[in-house]
C-alpha atoms as a PDB file:
ATOM      1  CA  MET A   1      -7.081   5.907  19.812  1.00  0.00           C
ATOM      2  CA  ARG A   2     -10.315   5.406  17.603  1.00  0.00           C
ATOM      3  CA  LEU A   3     -11.691   8.231  15.866  1.00  0.00           C
ATOM      4  CA  LYS A   4     -15.308   8.638  15.001  1.00  0.00           C
ATOM      5  CA  ILE A   5     -15.932   9.343  11.291  1.00  0.00           C
ATOM      6  CA  LYS A   6     -19.045  11.370  10.378  1.00  0.00           C
ATOM      7  CA  LYS A   7     -20.703   9.935   7.450  1.00  0.00           C
ATOM      8  CA  THR A   8     -21.136  12.738   4.902  1.00  0.00           C
ATOM      9  CA  GLY A   9     -21.582  10.823   1.723  1.00  0.00           C
ATOM     10  CA  SER A  10     -18.227  12.084   0.250  1.00  0.00           C
ATOM     11  CA  PHE A  11     -16.692   8.711   0.317  1.00  0.00           C
ATOM     12  CA  LYS A  12     -18.840   5.919  -1.235  1.00  0.00           C
ATOM     13  CA  ASN A  13     -16.406   3.168  -0.099  1.00  0.00           C
ATOM     14  CA  SER A  14     -15.535   4.730   3.402  1.00  0.00           C
ATOM     15  CA  LYS A  15     -14.708   1.395   5.014  1.00  0.00           C
ATOM     16  CA  ARG A  16     -12.522   0.544   2.141  1.00  0.00           C
ATOM     17  CA  TYR A  17     -10.857   3.855   2.338  1.00  0.00           C
ATOM     18  CA  ILE A  18     -10.187   3.506   6.080  1.00  0.00           C
ATOM     19  CA  LYS A  19      -8.741   0.157   5.432  1.00  0.00           C
ATOM     20  CA  LEU A  20      -6.237   1.583   2.925  1.00  0.00           C
ATOM     21  CA  ILE A  21      -5.182   4.241   5.290  1.00  0.00           C
ATOM     22  CA  GLU A  22      -4.673   1.699   8.296  1.00  0.00           C
ATOM     23  CA  ASN A  23      -2.586  -0.589   5.926  1.00  0.00           C
ATOM     24  CA  ALA A  24      -0.646   2.014   4.233  1.00  0.00           C
ATOM     25  CA  SER A  25       3.123   1.287   3.881  1.00  0.00           C
ATOM     26  CA  VAL A  26       4.092   4.760   5.013  1.00  0.00           C
ATOM     27  CA  TYR A  27       3.998   3.598   8.481  1.00  0.00           C
ATOM     28  CA  ASP A  28       7.164   1.575   7.796  1.00  0.00           C
ATOM     29  CA  VAL A  29       9.024   4.870   7.885  1.00  0.00           C
ATOM     30  CA  ALA A  30       7.073   7.141  10.204  1.00  0.00           C
ATOM     31  CA  ILE A  31       6.261   6.919  13.820  1.00  0.00           C
ATOM     32  CA  ASN A  32       2.729   6.861  15.177  1.00  0.00           C
ATOM     33  CA  SER A  33       2.808  10.486  16.338  1.00  0.00           C
ATOM     34  CA  PRO A  34       0.652  11.384  19.194  1.00  0.00           C
ATOM     35  CA  ILE A  35      -2.548  13.603  19.096  1.00  0.00           C
ATOM     36  CA  THR A  36      -2.433  16.166  21.872  1.00  0.00           C
ATOM     37  CA  PHE A  37      -4.922  18.431  23.374  1.00  0.00           C
ATOM     38  CA  ALA A  38      -4.349  22.247  22.642  1.00  0.00           C
ATOM     39  CA  PRO A  39      -5.875  23.940  25.646  1.00  0.00           C
ATOM     40  CA  ASN A  40      -5.194  27.598  24.547  1.00  0.00           C
ATOM     41  CA  LEU A  41      -6.451  27.184  21.053  1.00  0.00           C
ATOM     42  CA  SER A  42      -9.460  25.224  22.492  1.00  0.00           C
ATOM     43  CA  LEU A  43     -10.138  27.993  24.637  1.00  0.00           C
ATOM     44  CA  LYS A  44      -9.881  30.763  21.991  1.00  0.00           C
ATOM     45  CA  GLU A  45     -12.014  28.814  19.534  1.00  0.00           C
ATOM     46  CA  LYS A  46     -14.513  27.736  22.296  1.00  0.00           C
ATOM     47  CA  ASN A  47     -14.073  24.093  21.000  1.00  0.00           C
ATOM     48  CA  LYS A  48     -11.827  21.059  21.812  1.00  0.00           C
ATOM     49  CA  ILE A  49      -9.022  21.365  19.577  1.00  0.00           C
ATOM     50  CA  PHE A  50      -6.420  18.522  19.102  1.00  0.00           C
ATOM     51  CA  LEU A  51      -3.203  18.677  17.184  1.00  0.00           C
ATOM     52  CA  LYS A  52      -1.573  15.798  15.453  1.00  0.00           C
ATOM     53  CA  ARG A  53       2.177  16.106  16.449  1.00  0.00           C
ATOM     54  CA  GLU A  54       3.982  15.423  13.072  1.00  0.00           C
ATOM     55  CA  ASP A  55       6.637  17.598  14.347  1.00  0.00           C
ATOM     56  CA  LEU A  56       7.829  14.712  16.381  1.00  0.00           C
ATOM     57  CA  GLN A  57       8.755  12.586  13.369  1.00  0.00           C
ATOM     58  CA  PRO A  58      12.430  11.886  13.291  1.00  0.00           C
ATOM     59  CA  ILE A  59      12.758  14.380  10.447  1.00  0.00           C
ATOM     60  CA  PHE A  60      10.380  16.828  12.195  1.00  0.00           C
ATOM     61  CA  SER A  61       7.928  16.766   9.183  1.00  0.00           C
ATOM     62  CA  PHE A  62       5.140  14.879   7.772  1.00  0.00           C
ATOM     63  CA  LYS A  63       6.808  14.946   4.344  1.00  0.00           C
ATOM     64  CA  ASN A  64       8.536  11.693   4.725  1.00  0.00           C
ATOM     65  CA  ARG A  65       5.186   9.906   4.406  1.00  0.00           C
ATOM     66  CA  GLY A  66       4.366  11.548   0.998  1.00  0.00           C
ATOM     67  CA  ALA A  67       7.821  11.099  -0.311  1.00  0.00           C
ATOM     68  CA  TYR A  68       8.118   7.583   0.670  1.00  0.00           C
ATOM     69  CA  ASN A  69       4.579   6.795  -0.768  1.00  0.00           C
ATOM     70  CA  LYS A  70       5.751   8.433  -4.125  1.00  0.00           C
ATOM     71  CA  ILE A  71       9.107   6.595  -4.297  1.00  0.00           C
ATOM     72  CA  ILE A  72       7.666   3.130  -3.649  1.00  0.00           C
ATOM     73  CA  ASN A  73       5.151   3.652  -6.432  1.00  0.00           C
ATOM     74  CA  LEU A  74       7.544   4.592  -9.074  1.00  0.00           C
ATOM     75  CA  SER A  75       7.960   2.524 -12.081  1.00  0.00           C
ATOM     76  CA  ASP A  76      11.186   0.802 -12.723  1.00  0.00           C
ATOM     77  CA  SER A  77      12.269   3.222 -15.375  1.00  0.00           C
ATOM     78  CA  GLU A  78      11.456   6.131 -13.015  1.00  0.00           C
ATOM     79  CA  LYS A  79      13.461   4.476 -10.304  1.00  0.00           C
ATOM     80  CA  LYS A  80      16.507   4.058 -12.695  1.00  0.00           C
ATOM     81  CA  ARG A  81      16.445   7.913 -13.357  1.00  0.00           C
ATOM     82  CA  GLY A  82      16.781   8.433  -9.514  1.00  0.00           C
ATOM     83  CA  VAL A  83      15.016  10.801  -7.131  1.00  0.00           C
ATOM     84  CA  ILE A  84      15.935  14.371  -6.050  1.00  0.00           C
ATOM     85  CA  ALA A  85      14.471  15.684  -2.762  1.00  0.00           C
END
């Protein structure tokens, strides 16, 4: 699925930013969770509402992406001290 990104000027290097997202190593530990249409919420809000289904990740959370990203960016000395999650 391709998403249209509205240019707001908030990201000076939006193409570079999108490339960083597409190539992020967190996809090594997370599934590509689906985006599903939410009919009841859409009706209530009078708009088309879609939900990113992170609850379908193996651990039922998006937190594995952030934790993995933090861990792979630790320095050697930080890694030696260990990680508590």
